Amino acid sequence: QVHLVESGGGLVQPGGSLRLSCAASGVTVSRSYVSWDRQTPGKEREMVADMFGFFDVRSYADSVKGRFTISRDAAKNMVYHQMTSLIPEDTAVYYCKVSNTWGRGTQVTVSS
């Protein structure tokens, strides 16, 4: 059974940074499609960054390109999401996804 636990969310000022972590069990992240998605009230969940394949091909939503970086650690079976230059529009619940399973999410709030 796949189990994902996100951590690292919180309140940050505009321009600040956060790193989200996703601890995975029951699945090998290095062999799986992984992504970070986010959702705000009243809106559909959207993918902001994903990674797949042997060569770790990455893609990003236009709204976060140059500011967010997805990565994974095979030894620790973890997925990470480094977010920089945060803006209020980045406020959302962020979800880790591995293969077809999401975690429960972690709240990120960008506010002064």
C-alpha atoms as a PDB file:
ATOM      1  CA  GLN A   1       0.000   0.000   0.000  1.00  0.00           C
ATOM      2  CA  VAL A   2       1.373   3.393  -1.025  1.00  0.00           C
ATOM      3  CA  HIS A   3       1.619   5.968   1.760  1.00  0.00           C
ATOM      4  CA  LEU A   4       2.806   9.543   1.284  1.00  0.00           C
ATOM      5  CA  VAL A   5       3.381  12.142   3.991  1.00  0.00           C
ATOM      6  CA  GLU A   6       4.113  15.755   3.126  1.00  0.00           C
ATOM      7  CA  SER A   7       5.831  18.208   5.448  1.00  0.00           C
ATOM      8  CA  GLY A   8       7.474  21.618   5.369  1.00  0.00           C
ATOM      9  CA  GLY A   9       4.497  23.853   4.731  1.00  0.00           C
ATOM     10  CA  GLY A  10       3.784  26.980   6.724  1.00  0.00           C
ATOM     11  CA  LEU A  11       3.500  30.741   6.662  1.00  0.00           C
ATOM     12  CA  VAL A  12       6.117  32.679   4.726  1.00  0.00           C
ATOM     13  CA  GLN A  13       6.452  36.291   3.641  1.00  0.00           C
ATOM     14  CA  PRO A  14       6.393  37.273  -0.027  1.00  0.00           C
ATOM     15  CA  GLY A  15       9.818  36.731  -1.530  1.00  0.00           C
ATOM     16  CA  GLY A  16      10.612  33.964   0.909  1.00  0.00           C
ATOM     17  CA  SER A  17      11.401  30.294   0.378  1.00  0.00           C
ATOM     18  CA  LEU A  18      10.144  26.938   1.584  1.00  0.00           C
ATOM     19  CA  ARG A  19      11.137  23.365   0.951  1.00  0.00           C
ATOM     20  CA  LEU A  20       8.435  20.748   0.991  1.00  0.00           C
ATOM     21  CA  SER A  21       9.266  17.118   1.630  1.00  0.00           C
ATOM     22  CA  CYS A  22       7.340  13.957   0.813  1.00  0.00           C
ATOM     23  CA  ALA A  23       8.176  10.704   2.547  1.00  0.00           C
ATOM     24  CA  ALA A  24       7.043   7.692   0.540  1.00  0.00           C
ATOM     25  CA  SER A  25       6.463   4.085   1.529  1.00  0.00           C
ATOM     26  CA  GLY A  26       5.091   1.188  -0.467  1.00  0.00           C
ATOM     27  CA  VAL A  27       6.487   2.626  -3.693  1.00  0.00           C
ATOM     28  CA  THR A  28       9.937   3.403  -5.093  1.00  0.00           C
ATOM     29  CA  VAL A  29      10.029   7.076  -6.031  1.00  0.00           C
ATOM     30  CA  SER A  30      13.085   6.698  -8.258  1.00  0.00           C
ATOM     31  CA  ARG A  31      11.095   4.401 -10.556  1.00  0.00           C
ATOM     32  CA  SER A  32       7.838   6.330 -10.485  1.00  0.00           C
ATOM     33  CA  TYR A  33       6.187   9.379 -11.909  1.00  0.00           C
ATOM     34  CA  VAL A  34       6.235  12.051  -9.178  1.00  0.00           C
ATOM     35  CA  SER A  35       4.672  15.465  -9.017  1.00  0.00           C
ATOM     36  CA  TRP A  36       3.726  18.300  -6.731  1.00  0.00           C
ATOM     37  CA  ASP A  37       0.215  19.599  -7.220  1.00  0.00           C
ATOM     38  CA  ARG A  38      -1.634  22.394  -5.472  1.00  0.00           C
ATOM     39  CA  GLN A  39      -5.206  23.382  -4.829  1.00  0.00           C
ATOM     40  CA  THR A  40      -6.985  26.467  -3.540  1.00  0.00           C
ATOM     41  CA  PRO A  41     -10.627  26.628  -2.421  1.00  0.00           C
ATOM     42  CA  GLY A  42     -13.036  26.602  -5.335  1.00  0.00           C
ATOM     43  CA  LYS A  43     -10.400  25.683  -7.884  1.00  0.00           C
ATOM     44  CA  GLU A  44      -9.275  22.435  -9.436  1.00  0.00           C
ATOM     45  CA  ARG A  45      -6.063  20.824  -8.330  1.00  0.00           C
ATOM     46  CA  GLU A  46      -3.235  21.772 -10.679  1.00  0.00           C
ATOM     47  CA  MET A  47       0.137  20.228 -11.331  1.00  0.00           C
ATOM     48  CA  VAL A  48       2.975  22.658 -10.671  1.00  0.00           C
ATOM     49  CA  ALA A  49       5.995  20.391 -11.125  1.00  0.00           C
ATOM     50  CA  ASP A  50       6.599  16.822 -12.183  1.00  0.00           C
ATOM     51  CA  MET A  51       9.432  14.423 -12.865  1.00  0.00           C
ATOM     52  CA  PHE A  52       9.596  11.104 -14.654  1.00  0.00           C
ATOM     53  CA  GLY A  53      11.848   8.728 -16.506  1.00  0.00           C
ATOM     54  CA  PHE A  54      15.357   7.412 -16.142  1.00  0.00           C
ATOM     55  CA  PHE A  55      16.835  10.814 -16.947  1.00  0.00           C
ATOM     56  CA  ASP A  56      14.606  12.695 -14.476  1.00  0.00           C
ATOM     57  CA  VAL A  57      12.779  14.747 -17.067  1.00  0.00           C
ATOM     58  CA  ARG A  58      11.141  17.686 -15.302  1.00  0.00           C
ATOM     59  CA  SER A  59       8.342  20.014 -16.285  1.00  0.00           C
ATOM     60  CA  TYR A  60       6.811  23.011 -14.550  1.00  0.00           C
ATOM     61  CA  ALA A  61       3.692  25.092 -14.770  1.00  0.00           C
ATOM     62  CA  ASP A  62       4.379  28.456 -16.400  1.00  0.00           C
ATOM     63  CA  SER A  63       3.425  30.256 -13.201  1.00  0.00           C
ATOM     64  CA  VAL A  64       6.290  28.673 -11.247  1.00  0.00           C
ATOM     65  CA  LYS A  65       9.050  28.256 -13.819  1.00  0.00           C
ATOM     66  CA  GLY A  66      12.343  29.552 -12.540  1.00  0.00           C
ATOM     67  CA  ARG A  67      11.089  29.652  -8.950  1.00  0.00           C
ATOM     68  CA  PHE A  68      10.232  26.046  -8.047  1.00  0.00           C
ATOM     69  CA  THR A  69      12.391  22.927  -8.319  1.00  0.00           C
ATOM     70  CA  ILE A  70      11.294  19.314  -7.920  1.00  0.00           C
ATOM     71  CA  SER A  71      13.793  16.652  -6.943  1.00  0.00           C
ATOM     72  CA  ARG A  72      13.955  13.197  -5.447  1.00  0.00           C
ATOM     73  CA  ASP A  73      16.332  11.184  -3.298  1.00  0.00           C
ATOM     74  CA  ALA A  74      16.411   7.510  -4.195  1.00  0.00           C
ATOM     75  CA  ALA A  75      18.319   6.483  -1.063  1.00  0.00           C
ATOM     76  CA  LYS A  76      15.799   8.143   1.260  1.00  0.00           C
ATOM     77  CA  ASN A  77      12.780   7.455  -0.979  1.00  0.00           C
ATOM     78  CA  MET A  78      11.811  11.117  -0.682  1.00  0.00           C
ATOM     79  CA  VAL A  79      10.472  13.744  -3.053  1.00  0.00           C
ATOM     80  CA  TYR A  80      11.263  17.430  -2.519  1.00  0.00           C
ATOM     81  CA  HIS A  81       9.868  20.722  -3.725  1.00  0.00           C
ATOM     82  CA  GLN A  82      12.062  23.788  -3.331  1.00  0.00           C
ATOM     83  CA  MET A  83      10.027  26.971  -3.677  1.00  0.00           C
ATOM     84  CA  THR A  84      11.673  30.389  -3.915  1.00  0.00           C
ATOM     85  CA  SER A  85      10.514  33.944  -4.602  1.00  0.00           C
ATOM     86  CA  LEU A  86       7.119  33.032  -3.234  1.00  0.00           C
ATOM     87  CA  ILE A  87       4.151  35.262  -4.007  1.00  0.00           C
ATOM     88  CA  PRO A  88       0.684  35.403  -2.421  1.00  0.00           C
ATOM     89  CA  GLU A  89      -0.761  33.582  -5.435  1.00  0.00           C
ATOM     90  CA  ASP A  90       1.288  30.535  -4.426  1.00  0.00           C
ATOM     91  CA  THR A  91      -0.879  30.126  -1.343  1.00  0.00           C
ATOM     92  CA  ALA A  92      -2.485  26.689  -1.546  1.00  0.00           C
ATOM     93  CA  VAL A  93      -2.502  23.180  -0.167  1.00  0.00           C
ATOM     94  CA  TYR A  94       0.374  21.348  -1.814  1.00  0.00           C
ATOM     95  CA  TYR A  95       0.115  17.638  -2.517  1.00  0.00           C
ATOM     96  CA  CYS A  96       2.794  15.118  -3.330  1.00  0.00           C
ATOM     97  CA  LYS A  97       1.828  12.563  -5.951  1.00  0.00           C
ATOM     98  CA  VAL A  98       3.680   9.337  -6.696  1.00  0.00           C
ATOM     99  CA  SER A  99       2.287   7.195  -9.507  1.00  0.00           C
ATOM    100  CA  ASN A 100      -1.471   7.553  -8.930  1.00  0.00           C
ATOM    101  CA  THR A 101      -1.488   8.266  -5.200  1.00  0.00           C
ATOM    102  CA  TRP A 102      -1.627  11.649  -3.452  1.00  0.00           C
ATOM    103  CA  GLY A 103      -0.652  12.480   0.080  1.00  0.00           C
ATOM    104  CA  ARG A 104      -2.908  14.454   2.384  1.00  0.00           C
ATOM    105  CA  GLY A 105      -1.255  17.747   1.572  1.00  0.00           C
ATOM    106  CA  THR A 106       0.488  20.549   3.426  1.00  0.00           C
ATOM    107  CA  GLN A 107      -0.686  24.145   3.647  1.00  0.00           C
ATOM    108  CA  VAL A 108       1.521  26.911   2.252  1.00  0.00           C
ATOM    109  CA  THR A 109       0.498  30.482   2.998  1.00  0.00           C
ATOM    110  CA  VAL A 110       2.359  33.431   1.517  1.00  0.00           C
ATOM    111  CA  SER A 111       1.428  36.616   3.305  1.00  0.00           C
ATOM    112  CA  SER A 112       2.982  39.642   4.945  1.00  0.00           C
END
